[in-house]
N, C-alpha and C. Protein backbone atom coordinates (compact mmCIF):
# COMPACT_ATOMS: atom_id res chain seq x y z
N MET A 1 -7.37 11.84 22.23
CA MET A 1 -6.65 10.82 21.48
C MET A 1 -7.43 10.41 20.24
N THR A 2 -8.75 10.43 20.30
CA THR A 2 -9.56 10.05 19.16
C THR A 2 -9.35 11.01 17.99
N ALA A 3 -9.16 12.29 18.29
CA ALA A 3 -8.93 13.28 17.23
C ALA A 3 -7.63 12.96 16.49
N LEU A 4 -6.62 12.52 17.21
CA LEU A 4 -5.35 12.16 16.57
C LEU A 4 -5.53 10.97 15.63
N TYR A 5 -6.30 9.98 16.04
CA TYR A 5 -6.57 8.84 15.19
C TYR A 5 -7.34 9.26 13.93
N LEU A 6 -8.31 10.13 14.10
CA LEU A 6 -9.10 10.58 12.95
C LEU A 6 -8.26 11.39 11.98
N VAL A 7 -7.39 12.24 12.50
CA VAL A 7 -6.50 13.02 11.62
C VAL A 7 -5.55 12.09 10.89
N THR A 8 -5.05 11.09 11.59
CA THR A 8 -4.15 10.12 10.95
C THR A 8 -4.88 9.33 9.86
N LEU A 9 -6.09 8.89 10.15
CA LEU A 9 -6.86 8.16 9.14
C LEU A 9 -7.18 9.04 7.94
N ALA A 10 -7.46 10.32 8.18
CA ALA A 10 -7.72 11.25 7.08
C ALA A 10 -6.47 11.43 6.22
N GLY A 11 -5.31 11.51 6.85
CA GLY A 11 -4.06 11.63 6.09
C GLY A 11 -3.77 10.38 5.27
N VAL A 12 -4.01 9.22 5.85
CA VAL A 12 -3.80 7.97 5.12
C VAL A 12 -4.78 7.87 3.96
N ALA A 13 -6.02 8.30 4.18
CA ALA A 13 -7.02 8.26 3.11
C ALA A 13 -6.65 9.21 1.98
N ALA A 14 -6.17 10.41 2.32
CA ALA A 14 -5.75 11.36 1.29
C ALA A 14 -4.56 10.81 0.50
N ALA A 15 -3.61 10.21 1.19
CA ALA A 15 -2.46 9.61 0.50
C ALA A 15 -2.91 8.45 -0.38
N GLY A 16 -3.89 7.70 0.08
CA GLY A 16 -4.42 6.60 -0.73
C GLY A 16 -5.10 7.09 -1.99
N LEU A 17 -5.84 8.19 -1.89
CA LEU A 17 -6.49 8.74 -3.09
C LEU A 17 -5.46 9.27 -4.09
N LEU A 18 -4.43 9.93 -3.60
CA LEU A 18 -3.38 10.41 -4.50
C LEU A 18 -2.63 9.24 -5.15
N THR A 19 -2.43 8.19 -4.39
CA THR A 19 -1.77 7.01 -4.94
C THR A 19 -2.65 6.32 -5.97
N LEU A 20 -3.95 6.30 -5.72
CA LEU A 20 -4.88 5.74 -6.69
C LEU A 20 -4.86 6.53 -7.99
N LEU A 21 -4.71 7.82 -7.89
CA LEU A 21 -4.58 8.66 -9.08
C LEU A 21 -3.32 8.30 -9.87
N ARG A 22 -2.22 8.07 -9.18
CA ARG A 22 -0.97 7.68 -9.85
C ARG A 22 -1.12 6.29 -10.46
N LEU A 23 -1.87 5.43 -9.81
CA LEU A 23 -2.09 4.08 -10.34
C LEU A 23 -2.84 4.14 -11.65
N VAL A 24 -3.81 5.03 -11.75
CA VAL A 24 -4.60 5.14 -12.97
C VAL A 24 -3.83 5.87 -14.07
N ARG A 25 -3.13 6.95 -13.69
CA ARG A 25 -2.48 7.80 -14.69
C ARG A 25 -1.06 7.37 -15.05
N GLY A 26 -0.42 6.57 -14.22
CA GLY A 26 0.98 6.22 -14.41
C GLY A 26 1.36 5.91 -15.85
N PRO A 27 2.32 6.64 -16.40
CA PRO A 27 2.63 6.42 -17.81
C PRO A 27 3.31 5.08 -18.10
N ARG A 28 4.03 4.54 -17.13
CA ARG A 28 4.73 3.28 -17.37
C ARG A 28 4.23 2.21 -16.42
N ALA A 29 4.53 0.99 -16.75
CA ALA A 29 4.10 -0.14 -15.91
C ALA A 29 4.77 -0.11 -14.55
N LEU A 30 6.03 0.31 -14.50
CA LEU A 30 6.74 0.36 -13.24
C LEU A 30 6.11 1.38 -12.30
N ASP A 31 5.62 2.51 -12.84
CA ASP A 31 4.91 3.49 -12.02
C ASP A 31 3.67 2.89 -11.41
N ARG A 32 2.97 2.10 -12.17
CA ARG A 32 1.75 1.46 -11.67
C ARG A 32 2.05 0.40 -10.62
N VAL A 33 3.13 -0.33 -10.79
CA VAL A 33 3.52 -1.34 -9.81
C VAL A 33 3.88 -0.67 -8.49
N ILE A 34 4.64 0.39 -8.55
CA ILE A 34 5.01 1.11 -7.33
C ILE A 34 3.79 1.71 -6.67
N ALA A 35 2.89 2.28 -7.47
CA ALA A 35 1.66 2.85 -6.91
C ALA A 35 0.80 1.79 -6.25
N LEU A 36 0.74 0.62 -6.84
CA LEU A 36 -0.04 -0.46 -6.23
C LEU A 36 0.58 -0.90 -4.91
N ASP A 37 1.91 -0.95 -4.86
CA ASP A 37 2.59 -1.31 -3.63
C ASP A 37 2.33 -0.26 -2.54
N VAL A 38 2.38 1.00 -2.92
CA VAL A 38 2.10 2.06 -1.95
C VAL A 38 0.65 2.02 -1.50
N LEU A 39 -0.26 1.69 -2.41
CA LEU A 39 -1.68 1.60 -2.06
C LEU A 39 -1.92 0.48 -1.05
N VAL A 40 -1.27 -0.65 -1.24
CA VAL A 40 -1.39 -1.75 -0.27
C VAL A 40 -0.79 -1.32 1.07
N THR A 41 0.30 -0.56 1.03
CA THR A 41 0.89 -0.04 2.25
C THR A 41 -0.07 0.92 2.96
N MET A 42 -0.79 1.72 2.20
CA MET A 42 -1.78 2.63 2.80
C MET A 42 -2.93 1.85 3.45
N VAL A 43 -3.34 0.76 2.82
CA VAL A 43 -4.38 -0.09 3.42
C VAL A 43 -3.87 -0.70 4.73
N ILE A 44 -2.63 -1.15 4.73
CA ILE A 44 -2.03 -1.70 5.93
C ILE A 44 -1.94 -0.63 7.02
N ALA A 45 -1.52 0.57 6.65
CA ALA A 45 -1.41 1.66 7.63
C ALA A 45 -2.77 2.04 8.19
N GLY A 46 -3.78 2.12 7.34
CA GLY A 46 -5.12 2.44 7.81
C GLY A 46 -5.66 1.38 8.75
N THR A 47 -5.42 0.13 8.41
CA THR A 47 -5.86 -0.97 9.28
C THR A 47 -5.10 -0.95 10.61
N ALA A 48 -3.82 -0.62 10.56
CA ALA A 48 -3.03 -0.55 11.79
C ALA A 48 -3.52 0.58 12.70
N VAL A 49 -3.87 1.72 12.11
CA VAL A 49 -4.40 2.83 12.91
C VAL A 49 -5.74 2.44 13.52
N ARG A 50 -6.58 1.81 12.73
CA ARG A 50 -7.88 1.37 13.25
C ARG A 50 -7.70 0.32 14.36
N THR A 51 -6.73 -0.56 14.20
CA THR A 51 -6.44 -1.55 15.23
C THR A 51 -5.96 -0.89 16.51
N ALA A 52 -5.11 0.12 16.37
CA ALA A 52 -4.64 0.85 17.55
C ALA A 52 -5.78 1.62 18.20
N MET A 53 -6.68 2.15 17.39
CA MET A 53 -7.81 2.90 17.92
C MET A 53 -8.74 2.01 18.73
N ASP A 54 -8.96 0.80 18.27
CA ASP A 54 -9.84 -0.14 18.96
C ASP A 54 -9.13 -0.92 20.06
N LYS A 55 -7.80 -0.81 20.10
CA LYS A 55 -6.98 -1.57 21.05
C LYS A 55 -7.26 -3.08 20.92
N ASP A 56 -7.31 -3.53 19.68
CA ASP A 56 -7.59 -4.93 19.39
C ASP A 56 -6.46 -5.47 18.53
N THR A 57 -5.84 -6.54 18.95
CA THR A 57 -4.68 -7.07 18.24
C THR A 57 -5.03 -8.23 17.30
N ALA A 58 -6.29 -8.46 17.05
CA ALA A 58 -6.70 -9.58 16.22
C ALA A 58 -6.28 -9.40 14.76
N ALA A 59 -6.11 -8.17 14.30
CA ALA A 59 -5.78 -7.92 12.90
C ALA A 59 -4.28 -7.97 12.62
N LEU A 60 -3.45 -8.13 13.63
CA LEU A 60 -2.00 -8.10 13.41
C LEU A 60 -1.50 -9.22 12.50
N PRO A 61 -1.97 -10.46 12.62
CA PRO A 61 -1.52 -11.48 11.65
C PRO A 61 -1.93 -11.16 10.21
N VAL A 62 -3.11 -10.58 10.05
CA VAL A 62 -3.56 -10.19 8.71
C VAL A 62 -2.65 -9.10 8.15
N LEU A 63 -2.26 -8.15 8.99
CA LEU A 63 -1.36 -7.09 8.54
C LEU A 63 0.00 -7.65 8.13
N LEU A 64 0.48 -8.61 8.88
CA LEU A 64 1.76 -9.23 8.55
C LEU A 64 1.70 -9.97 7.22
N VAL A 65 0.64 -10.72 6.99
CA VAL A 65 0.49 -11.45 5.73
C VAL A 65 0.34 -10.47 4.56
N LEU A 66 -0.43 -9.40 4.74
CA LEU A 66 -0.56 -8.40 3.67
C LEU A 66 0.78 -7.76 3.34
N ALA A 67 1.57 -7.45 4.34
CA ALA A 67 2.88 -6.85 4.10
C ALA A 67 3.80 -7.81 3.34
N LEU A 68 3.79 -9.07 3.70
CA LEU A 68 4.62 -10.05 3.00
C LEU A 68 4.16 -10.25 1.56
N LEU A 69 2.85 -10.29 1.35
CA LEU A 69 2.34 -10.43 -0.02
C LEU A 69 2.65 -9.20 -0.86
N ALA A 70 2.56 -8.03 -0.28
CA ALA A 70 2.88 -6.81 -1.03
C ALA A 70 4.35 -6.80 -1.43
N PHE A 71 5.22 -7.17 -0.51
CA PHE A 71 6.65 -7.21 -0.82
C PHE A 71 6.95 -8.22 -1.91
N THR A 72 6.41 -9.41 -1.78
CA THR A 72 6.64 -10.47 -2.76
C THR A 72 6.10 -10.08 -4.13
N GLY A 73 4.92 -9.50 -4.15
CA GLY A 73 4.33 -9.06 -5.42
C GLY A 73 5.13 -7.97 -6.09
N SER A 74 5.62 -7.03 -5.31
CA SER A 74 6.41 -5.93 -5.89
C SER A 74 7.73 -6.43 -6.46
N VAL A 75 8.38 -7.30 -5.73
CA VAL A 75 9.65 -7.84 -6.23
C VAL A 75 9.44 -8.65 -7.49
N THR A 76 8.39 -9.45 -7.52
CA THR A 76 8.09 -10.26 -8.70
C THR A 76 7.75 -9.39 -9.90
N ALA A 77 6.92 -8.37 -9.70
CA ALA A 77 6.54 -7.49 -10.80
C ALA A 77 7.75 -6.70 -11.31
N ALA A 78 8.60 -6.23 -10.41
CA ALA A 78 9.79 -5.50 -10.83
C ALA A 78 10.73 -6.41 -11.63
N HIS A 79 10.84 -7.65 -11.21
CA HIS A 79 11.68 -8.61 -11.95
C HIS A 79 11.12 -8.86 -13.35
N LEU A 80 9.80 -9.00 -13.45
CA LEU A 80 9.16 -9.22 -14.74
C LEU A 80 9.33 -8.02 -15.66
N ILE A 81 9.16 -6.83 -15.13
CA ILE A 81 9.33 -5.62 -15.94
C ILE A 81 10.77 -5.47 -16.39
N GLU A 82 11.71 -5.80 -15.52
CA GLU A 82 13.12 -5.72 -15.89
C GLU A 82 13.43 -6.67 -17.05
N LYS A 83 12.87 -7.87 -17.01
CA LYS A 83 13.11 -8.84 -18.07
C LYS A 83 12.48 -8.36 -19.40
N ARG A 84 11.27 -7.81 -19.31
CA ARG A 84 10.61 -7.33 -20.53
C ARG A 84 11.34 -6.16 -21.15
N GLU A 85 11.79 -5.21 -20.33
CA GLU A 85 12.48 -4.05 -20.87
C GLU A 85 13.90 -4.39 -21.30
N GLY A 86 14.48 -5.42 -20.71
CA GLY A 86 15.82 -5.84 -21.10
C GLY A 86 15.84 -6.52 -22.45
N MET A 87 14.69 -7.05 -22.89
CA MET A 87 14.59 -7.75 -24.16
C MET A 87 14.51 -6.78 -25.33
N ARG A 88 14.17 -5.55 -25.07
CA ARG A 88 14.00 -4.57 -26.16
C ARG A 88 15.31 -4.10 -26.70
């Protein structure tokens, strides 16, 4: 079972690195906002896998708060970008 957790963490880490690349290279602001949202999701997924690996539920409230903040931030940033591009 430990090998499965390690493979999963490696996959999440690889996805996080690719997302970080998109965050840096993204040609538009919306690309960067989406990449940042996906990066936060990767952090949440990695923490969830680590929590499952340790069989410790202490991090679950932190994961819930991170997910809510990521959603709120993404919606707010998308609304701001829509307003800015609508003014042009």
